[in-house]
Amino acid sequence: MPPLPEIDFSKEMIVVSAMGSRPSSGYLIYIDGACEVDGQVEVFVSSVEDGCGAELAIVTNPADAVRLPRTDLPVVFRETQLACKVWRDRITSKGR
């Protein structure tokens, strides 16, 4: 297992977006980015809930986390729900 990244919490913070328990492997969530707007940090999240092909019938807990510069500003999440085809097109074009 690779070592955990070192995080200086006096200068950085971790932002987590999670969906909670889901009944199959057909759910995804990821943080696209973040920026400061009008005195708050807006975190942009994309989620997929319509399945993406062969799904496993297992309980999953989709989540994503990013490291951001520390701030005392309020953090607001902006979620966009995507169809699986749109998500596939995005990751193919980004090379993600």
C-alpha atoms as a PDB file:
ATOM      1  CA  MET A   1       0.000   0.000   0.000  1.00  0.00           C
ATOM      2  CA  PRO A   2       1.416   3.437  -0.906  1.00  0.00           C
ATOM      3  CA  PRO A   3       2.182   5.848   1.941  1.00  0.00           C
ATOM      4  CA  LEU A   4      -0.487   8.376   2.874  1.00  0.00           C
ATOM      5  CA  PRO A   5       0.123  11.888   1.524  1.00  0.00           C
ATOM      6  CA  GLU A   6       1.466  14.412   3.986  1.00  0.00           C
ATOM      7  CA  ILE A   7      -1.021  17.186   4.666  1.00  0.00           C
ATOM      8  CA  ASP A   8      -0.227  20.400   6.507  1.00  0.00           C
ATOM      9  CA  PHE A   9      -3.620  21.252   8.002  1.00  0.00           C
ATOM     10  CA  SER A  10      -2.395  24.726   8.934  1.00  0.00           C
ATOM     11  CA  LYS A  11      -2.182  25.478   5.186  1.00  0.00           C
ATOM     12  CA  GLU A  12      -4.473  22.891   3.558  1.00  0.00           C
ATOM     13  CA  MET A  13      -7.868  21.271   4.057  1.00  0.00           C
ATOM     14  CA  ILE A  14      -9.569  18.151   2.756  1.00  0.00           C
ATOM     15  CA  VAL A  15     -12.990  18.423   1.120  1.00  0.00           C
ATOM     16  CA  VAL A  16     -15.042  15.235   0.792  1.00  0.00           C
ATOM     17  CA  SER A  17     -18.135  14.551  -1.284  1.00  0.00           C
ATOM     18  CA  ALA A  18     -19.963  11.284  -0.616  1.00  0.00           C
ATOM     19  CA  MET A  19     -23.212   9.668  -1.714  1.00  0.00           C
ATOM     20  CA  GLY A  20     -23.761   7.368   1.255  1.00  0.00           C
ATOM     21  CA  SER A  21     -24.660   3.707   0.827  1.00  0.00           C
ATOM     22  CA  ARG A  22     -25.921   2.611  -2.590  1.00  0.00           C
ATOM     23  CA  PRO A  23     -27.282  -0.824  -3.572  1.00  0.00           C
ATOM     24  CA  SER A  24     -24.884  -1.528  -6.464  1.00  0.00           C
ATOM     25  CA  SER A  25     -21.645  -0.530  -8.147  1.00  0.00           C
ATOM     26  CA  GLY A  26     -23.530   1.640 -10.669  1.00  0.00           C
ATOM     27  CA  TYR A  27     -23.034   4.916  -8.779  1.00  0.00           C
ATOM     28  CA  LEU A  28     -20.156   7.392  -9.097  1.00  0.00           C
ATOM     29  CA  ILE A  29     -19.250  10.744  -7.598  1.00  0.00           C
ATOM     30  CA  TYR A  30     -16.233  12.957  -8.175  1.00  0.00           C
ATOM     31  CA  ILE A  31     -15.078  16.492  -7.467  1.00  0.00           C
ATOM     32  CA  ASP A  32     -14.457  18.405 -10.700  1.00  0.00           C
ATOM     33  CA  GLY A  33     -12.904  21.500  -9.160  1.00  0.00           C
ATOM     34  CA  ALA A  34     -13.289  24.383  -6.734  1.00  0.00           C
ATOM     35  CA  CYS A  35     -12.966  28.158  -6.760  1.00  0.00           C
ATOM     36  CA  GLU A  36     -13.677  31.202  -4.610  1.00  0.00           C
ATOM     37  CA  VAL A  37     -16.804  33.094  -5.670  1.00  0.00           C
ATOM     38  CA  ASP A  38     -18.517  35.928  -3.791  1.00  0.00           C
ATOM     39  CA  GLY A  39     -16.889  35.209  -0.449  1.00  0.00           C
ATOM     40  CA  GLN A  40     -17.320  31.431  -0.472  1.00  0.00           C
ATOM     41  CA  VAL A  41     -15.573  28.368  -1.863  1.00  0.00           C
ATOM     42  CA  GLU A  42     -17.706  26.593  -4.449  1.00  0.00           C
ATOM     43  CA  VAL A  43     -16.909  22.906  -4.932  1.00  0.00           C
ATOM     44  CA  PHE A  44     -18.194  21.411  -8.184  1.00  0.00           C
ATOM     45  CA  VAL A  45     -19.276  17.772  -7.961  1.00  0.00           C
ATOM     46  CA  SER A  46     -20.517  15.399 -10.671  1.00  0.00           C
ATOM     47  CA  SER A  47     -22.501  12.274  -9.880  1.00  0.00           C
ATOM     48  CA  VAL A  48     -23.809   9.345 -11.914  1.00  0.00           C
ATOM     49  CA  GLU A  49     -26.792   7.377 -10.626  1.00  0.00           C
ATOM     50  CA  ASP A  50     -28.117   5.582 -13.724  1.00  0.00           C
ATOM     51  CA  GLY A  51     -25.600   2.769 -13.917  1.00  0.00           C
ATOM     52  CA  CYS A  52     -22.818   2.327 -16.424  1.00  0.00           C
ATOM     53  CA  GLY A  53     -23.170  -1.150 -17.798  1.00  0.00           C
ATOM     54  CA  ALA A  54     -22.427  -4.346 -15.925  1.00  0.00           C
ATOM     55  CA  GLU A  55     -23.068  -3.475 -12.303  1.00  0.00           C
ATOM     56  CA  LEU A  56     -22.210  -5.608  -9.326  1.00  0.00           C
ATOM     57  CA  ALA A  57     -24.996  -6.270  -6.830  1.00  0.00           C
ATOM     58  CA  ILE A  58     -22.971  -5.099  -3.840  1.00  0.00           C
ATOM     59  CA  VAL A  59     -23.443  -2.219  -1.436  1.00  0.00           C
ATOM     60  CA  THR A  60     -21.058   0.630  -2.252  1.00  0.00           C
ATOM     61  CA  ASN A  61     -20.286   4.008  -0.674  1.00  0.00           C
ATOM     62  CA  PRO A  62     -19.103   6.278  -3.518  1.00  0.00           C
ATOM     63  CA  ALA A  63     -16.912   9.178  -2.385  1.00  0.00           C
ATOM     64  CA  ASP A  64     -14.185  11.527  -3.585  1.00  0.00           C
ATOM     65  CA  ALA A  65     -11.784  13.812  -1.699  1.00  0.00           C
ATOM     66  CA  VAL A  66      -9.502  16.664  -2.710  1.00  0.00           C
ATOM     67  CA  ARG A  67      -6.889  18.796  -1.013  1.00  0.00           C
ATOM     68  CA  LEU A  68      -7.479  22.571  -1.171  1.00  0.00           C
ATOM     69  CA  PRO A  69      -5.730  25.613   0.283  1.00  0.00           C
ATOM     70  CA  ARG A  70      -7.044  26.237   3.804  1.00  0.00           C
ATOM     71  CA  THR A  71      -9.685  28.922   4.143  1.00  0.00           C
ATOM     72  CA  ASP A  72     -12.214  30.096   6.708  1.00  0.00           C
ATOM     73  CA  LEU A  73     -14.719  30.916   3.962  1.00  0.00           C
ATOM     74  CA  PRO A  74     -17.942  28.887   3.811  1.00  0.00           C
ATOM     75  CA  VAL A  75     -17.821  25.878   1.480  1.00  0.00           C
ATOM     76  CA  VAL A  76     -20.781  25.306  -0.859  1.00  0.00           C
ATOM     77  CA  PHE A  77     -21.224  22.203  -3.012  1.00  0.00           C
ATOM     78  CA  ARG A  78     -22.672  22.483  -6.528  1.00  0.00           C
ATOM     79  CA  GLU A  79     -23.723  19.044  -7.758  1.00  0.00           C
ATOM     80  CA  THR A  80     -24.491  18.085 -11.333  1.00  0.00           C
ATOM     81  CA  GLN A  81     -26.084  14.716 -12.019  1.00  0.00           C
ATOM     82  CA  LEU A  82     -24.831  13.155 -15.244  1.00  0.00           C
ATOM     83  CA  ALA A  83     -26.061  10.334 -17.419  1.00  0.00           C
ATOM     84  CA  CYS A  84     -23.511   7.545 -17.776  1.00  0.00           C
ATOM     85  CA  LYS A  85     -22.894   8.370 -21.456  1.00  0.00           C
ATOM     86  CA  VAL A  86     -22.064  11.997 -20.597  1.00  0.00           C
ATOM     87  CA  TRP A  87     -19.685  10.864 -17.839  1.00  0.00           C
ATOM     88  CA  ARG A  88     -17.932   8.430 -20.217  1.00  0.00           C
ATOM     89  CA  ASP A  89     -17.539  11.184 -22.827  1.00  0.00           C
ATOM     90  CA  ARG A  90     -16.014  13.485 -20.196  1.00  0.00           C
ATOM     91  CA  ILE A  91     -13.457  11.027 -18.901  1.00  0.00           C
ATOM     92  CA  THR A  92     -12.526   9.953 -22.423  1.00  0.00           C
ATOM     93  CA  SER A  93     -11.910  13.536 -23.525  1.00  0.00           C
ATOM     94  CA  LYS A  94     -10.024  14.463 -20.294  1.00  0.00           C
ATOM     95  CA  GLY A  95      -7.916  11.321 -20.217  1.00  0.00           C
ATOM     96  CA  ARG A  96      -8.972  10.931 -16.601  1.00  0.00           C
END
